C-alpha cells in the first residue's frame, strides 16, 4: 500500500490495516520457518507497510504534520539569537 493511501485512511481503518498486515506477516514468517515459502521480499514489504502505518498513526496522535511547518519558521530566529550571543 502506498503512503498516500495510508495517510487517507481513517483512524479505525489504520488500526484494521495494521492488524491485517501483522497477521499476514505472522503467517508468512511461519511459512518461511516451515520451508514452505521463500518470501523474503514480501517480508520486507509487510514490515515496511506496518512501519508506515504506525508512523502515520503516531503523527496523528502528536499532530506533527501541522507542527513541522511552525518549527521551521522559528528555526532561523533561534540561530540568529545564538549568533548575537557570541
N, C-alpha and C. Protein backbone atom coordinates (compact mmCIF):
# COMPACT_ATOMS: atom_id res chain seq x y z
N UNK A 1 0.85 -1.17 0.00
CA UNK A 1 0.00 0.00 0.00
C UNK A 1 0.90 1.24 0.00
N UNK A 2 0.53 2.21 -0.79
CA UNK A 2 1.33 3.42 -0.89
C UNK A 2 1.08 4.34 0.30
N UNK A 3 2.06 5.18 0.57
CA UNK A 3 1.98 6.07 1.74
C UNK A 3 0.79 7.02 1.65
N UNK A 4 0.51 7.54 0.47
CA UNK A 4 -0.63 8.45 0.31
C UNK A 4 -1.95 7.75 0.64
N UNK A 5 -2.08 6.49 0.25
CA UNK A 5 -3.29 5.73 0.57
C UNK A 5 -3.40 5.52 2.07
N UNK A 6 -2.26 5.27 2.71
CA UNK A 6 -2.26 5.08 4.17
C UNK A 6 -2.67 6.36 4.87
N UNK A 7 -2.16 7.50 4.40
CA UNK A 7 -2.49 8.80 5.00
C UNK A 7 -3.98 9.13 4.85
N UNK A 8 -4.63 8.62 3.80
CA UNK A 8 -6.04 8.91 3.56
C UNK A 8 -6.98 8.02 4.35
N UNK A 9 -6.46 7.01 5.05
CA UNK A 9 -7.31 6.12 5.83
C UNK A 9 -7.74 6.81 7.13
N UNK A 10 -8.91 6.43 7.62
CA UNK A 10 -9.35 6.95 8.92
C UNK A 10 -8.60 6.21 10.03
N UNK A 11 -8.76 6.66 11.25
CA UNK A 11 -8.07 6.05 12.38
C UNK A 11 -8.48 4.58 12.56
N UNK A 12 -9.76 4.29 12.42
CA UNK A 12 -10.24 2.92 12.56
C UNK A 12 -9.70 2.04 11.45
N UNK A 13 -9.66 2.59 10.25
CA UNK A 13 -9.13 1.84 9.11
C UNK A 13 -7.63 1.58 9.29
N UNK A 14 -6.92 2.53 9.89
CA UNK A 14 -5.49 2.34 10.16
C UNK A 14 -5.28 1.17 11.12
N UNK A 15 -6.06 1.13 12.18
CA UNK A 15 -5.94 0.05 13.15
C UNK A 15 -6.25 -1.29 12.49
N UNK A 16 -7.30 -1.32 11.69
CA UNK A 16 -7.67 -2.56 10.99
C UNK A 16 -6.58 -2.99 10.02
N UNK A 17 -6.03 -2.04 9.28
CA UNK A 17 -4.99 -2.35 8.30
C UNK A 17 -3.73 -2.85 9.00
N UNK A 18 -3.40 -2.26 10.15
CA UNK A 18 -2.22 -2.73 10.90
C UNK A 18 -2.41 -4.16 11.38
N UNK A 19 -3.60 -4.47 11.90
CA UNK A 19 -3.87 -5.83 12.37
C UNK A 19 -3.80 -6.82 11.22
N UNK A 20 -4.40 -6.48 10.09
CA UNK A 20 -4.41 -7.35 8.92
C UNK A 20 -2.99 -7.60 8.41
N UNK A 21 -2.22 -6.55 8.32
CA UNK A 21 -0.85 -6.67 7.82
C UNK A 21 0.01 -7.46 8.80
N UNK A 22 -0.20 -7.27 10.09
CA UNK A 22 0.56 -8.02 11.10
C UNK A 22 0.23 -9.51 11.03
N UNK A 23 -1.03 -9.84 10.79
CA UNK A 23 -1.43 -11.24 10.64
C UNK A 23 -0.78 -11.85 9.40
N UNK A 24 -0.76 -11.09 8.31
CA UNK A 24 -0.12 -11.58 7.09
C UNK A 24 1.37 -11.84 7.33
N UNK A 25 2.02 -10.92 8.05
CA UNK A 25 3.43 -11.07 8.35
C UNK A 25 3.67 -12.31 9.21
N UNK A 26 2.83 -12.53 10.21
CA UNK A 26 2.95 -13.70 11.07
C UNK A 26 2.84 -14.98 10.25
N UNK A 27 1.82 -15.05 9.41
CA UNK A 27 1.61 -16.24 8.60
C UNK A 27 2.77 -16.49 7.64
N UNK A 28 3.27 -15.42 7.04
CA UNK A 28 4.38 -15.55 6.11
C UNK A 28 5.65 -16.01 6.84
N UNK A 29 5.90 -15.45 8.01
CA UNK A 29 7.07 -15.88 8.80
C UNK A 29 6.96 -17.36 9.16
N UNK A 30 5.77 -17.78 9.51
CA UNK A 30 5.54 -19.19 9.85
C UNK A 30 5.82 -20.08 8.64
N UNK A 31 5.33 -19.68 7.46
CA UNK A 31 5.56 -20.45 6.24
C UNK A 31 7.05 -20.53 5.90
N UNK A 32 7.76 -19.42 6.08
CA UNK A 32 9.20 -19.40 5.80
C UNK A 32 9.94 -20.33 6.76
N UNK A 33 9.55 -20.30 8.03
CA UNK A 33 10.22 -21.16 9.01
C UNK A 33 9.95 -22.64 8.74
N UNK A 34 8.82 -22.95 8.14
CA UNK A 34 8.49 -24.33 7.80
C UNK A 34 9.08 -24.74 6.45
N UNK A 35 9.68 -23.80 5.76
CA UNK A 35 10.28 -24.10 4.47
C UNK A 35 9.28 -24.14 3.32
N UNK A 36 8.08 -23.65 3.55
CA UNK A 36 7.05 -23.69 2.51
C UNK A 36 7.11 -22.49 1.58
N UNK A 37 7.81 -21.44 2.00
CA UNK A 37 7.79 -20.21 1.24
C UNK A 37 9.18 -19.56 1.30
N UNK A 38 9.52 -18.84 0.24
CA UNK A 38 10.78 -18.12 0.19
C UNK A 38 10.51 -16.64 0.00
N UNK A 39 9.54 -16.08 0.73
CA UNK A 39 9.05 -14.73 0.50
C UNK A 39 9.81 -13.65 1.23
N UNK A 40 11.11 -13.54 1.01
CA UNK A 40 11.91 -12.53 1.70
C UNK A 40 11.47 -11.12 1.28
N UNK A 41 11.21 -10.96 0.00
CA UNK A 41 10.78 -9.64 -0.49
C UNK A 41 9.44 -9.25 0.12
N UNK A 42 8.54 -10.19 0.21
CA UNK A 42 7.22 -9.92 0.80
C UNK A 42 7.35 -9.59 2.29
N UNK A 43 8.28 -10.26 2.99
CA UNK A 43 8.51 -9.96 4.41
C UNK A 43 8.93 -8.51 4.58
N UNK A 44 9.87 -8.06 3.76
CA UNK A 44 10.33 -6.67 3.84
C UNK A 44 9.19 -5.70 3.55
N UNK A 45 8.41 -6.02 2.54
CA UNK A 45 7.30 -5.15 2.16
C UNK A 45 6.28 -5.02 3.29
N UNK A 46 5.95 -6.14 3.93
CA UNK A 46 4.97 -6.11 5.02
C UNK A 46 5.52 -5.35 6.23
N UNK A 47 6.79 -5.55 6.57
CA UNK A 47 7.39 -4.81 7.69
C UNK A 47 7.40 -3.32 7.41
N UNK A 48 7.70 -2.95 6.18
CA UNK A 48 7.72 -1.53 5.80
C UNK A 48 6.31 -0.94 5.90
N UNK A 49 5.32 -1.69 5.44
CA UNK A 49 3.94 -1.20 5.49
C UNK A 49 3.48 -1.00 6.94
N UNK A 50 3.82 -1.93 7.81
CA UNK A 50 3.46 -1.81 9.22
C UNK A 50 4.12 -0.56 9.82
N UNK A 51 5.39 -0.35 9.49
CA UNK A 51 6.10 0.83 10.00
C UNK A 51 5.45 2.12 9.51
N UNK A 52 5.05 2.15 8.25
CA UNK A 52 4.39 3.35 7.71
C UNK A 52 3.06 3.60 8.40
N UNK A 53 2.30 2.55 8.63
CA UNK A 53 1.01 2.69 9.31
C UNK A 53 1.21 3.23 10.72
N UNK A 54 2.19 2.67 11.44
CA UNK A 54 2.45 3.12 12.81
C UNK A 54 2.95 4.56 12.82
N UNK A 55 3.74 4.93 11.83
CA UNK A 55 4.24 6.30 11.75
C UNK A 55 3.11 7.29 11.52
N UNK A 56 2.21 6.98 10.61
CA UNK A 56 1.08 7.87 10.33
C UNK A 56 0.19 7.98 11.56
N UNK A 57 -0.04 6.86 12.26
CA UNK A 57 -0.87 6.89 13.47
C UNK A 57 -0.22 7.76 14.54
N UNK A 58 1.09 7.65 14.71
CA UNK A 58 1.80 8.45 15.71
C UNK A 58 1.80 9.93 15.33
N UNK A 59 1.95 10.22 14.03
CA UNK A 59 1.89 11.61 13.57
C UNK A 59 0.54 12.23 13.91
N UNK A 60 -0.51 11.46 13.70
CA UNK A 60 -1.84 11.98 14.02
C UNK A 60 -2.01 12.18 15.52
N UNK A 61 -1.47 11.25 16.29
CA UNK A 61 -1.58 11.34 17.75
C UNK A 61 -0.87 12.58 18.26
N UNK A 62 0.28 12.88 17.71
CA UNK A 62 1.07 14.02 18.17
C UNK A 62 0.79 15.30 17.37
N UNK A 63 -0.01 15.20 16.35
CA UNK A 63 -0.31 16.32 15.45
C UNK A 63 0.97 16.92 14.87
N UNK A 64 1.84 16.09 14.41
CA UNK A 64 3.14 16.53 13.90
C UNK A 64 3.02 17.17 12.52
N UNK A 65 2.14 16.72 11.69
CA UNK A 65 2.06 17.21 10.32
C UNK A 65 1.92 18.72 10.27
N UNK A 66 1.13 19.32 11.12
CA UNK A 66 0.97 20.76 11.12
C UNK A 66 2.06 21.48 11.90
N UNK A 67 2.59 20.82 12.92
CA UNK A 67 3.59 21.43 13.79
C UNK A 67 4.95 21.57 13.11
N UNK A 68 5.24 20.75 12.14
CA UNK A 68 6.54 20.79 11.47
C UNK A 68 6.74 22.12 10.76
N UNK A 69 5.69 22.67 10.19
CA UNK A 69 5.80 23.94 9.49
C UNK A 69 6.09 25.08 10.46
N UNK A 70 5.50 25.04 11.66
CA UNK A 70 5.70 26.09 12.65
C UNK A 70 7.14 26.11 13.16
N UNK A 71 7.73 24.94 13.38
CA UNK A 71 9.09 24.89 13.90
C UNK A 71 10.09 25.33 12.85
N UNK A 72 9.79 25.10 11.58
CA UNK A 72 10.71 25.52 10.52
C UNK A 72 10.78 27.05 10.45
N UNK A 73 9.69 27.73 10.75
CA UNK A 73 9.67 29.19 10.73
C UNK A 73 10.46 29.74 11.91
N UNK A 74 10.39 29.08 13.07
CA UNK A 74 11.09 29.54 14.27
C UNK A 74 12.59 29.24 14.23
N UNK A 75 13.02 28.30 13.44
CA UNK A 75 14.42 27.88 13.43
C UNK A 75 15.39 29.01 13.06
N UNK A 76 15.15 29.83 12.03
CA UNK A 76 16.10 30.90 11.72
C UNK A 76 16.23 31.91 12.86
N UNK A 77 15.18 32.21 13.57
CA UNK A 77 15.24 33.15 14.68
C UNK A 77 16.13 32.60 15.79
N UNK A 78 16.07 31.32 16.02
CA UNK A 78 16.90 30.70 17.06
C UNK A 78 18.36 30.77 16.69
N UNK A 79 18.70 30.58 15.42
CA UNK A 79 20.10 30.64 15.02
C UNK A 79 20.61 32.08 15.08
N UNK A 80 19.75 33.07 14.79
CA UNK A 80 20.15 34.47 14.90
C UNK A 80 20.46 34.84 16.34
N UNK A 81 19.70 34.31 17.27
CA UNK A 81 19.91 34.60 18.69
C UNK A 81 21.25 34.02 19.15
N UNK A 82 21.62 32.85 18.63
CA UNK A 82 22.88 32.24 19.00
C UNK A 82 24.05 33.07 18.48
N UNK A 83 23.91 33.61 17.28
CA UNK A 83 24.99 34.41 16.70
C UNK A 83 25.22 35.69 17.51
N UNK A 84 24.14 36.28 18.01
CA UNK A 84 24.26 37.51 18.79
C UNK A 84 24.88 37.27 20.16
N UNK A 85 24.78 36.06 20.68
CA UNK A 85 25.30 35.73 22.00
C UNK A 85 26.81 35.56 21.96
N UNK A 86 27.39 35.34 20.81
CA UNK A 86 28.84 35.10 20.73
C UNK A 86 29.62 36.31 20.85
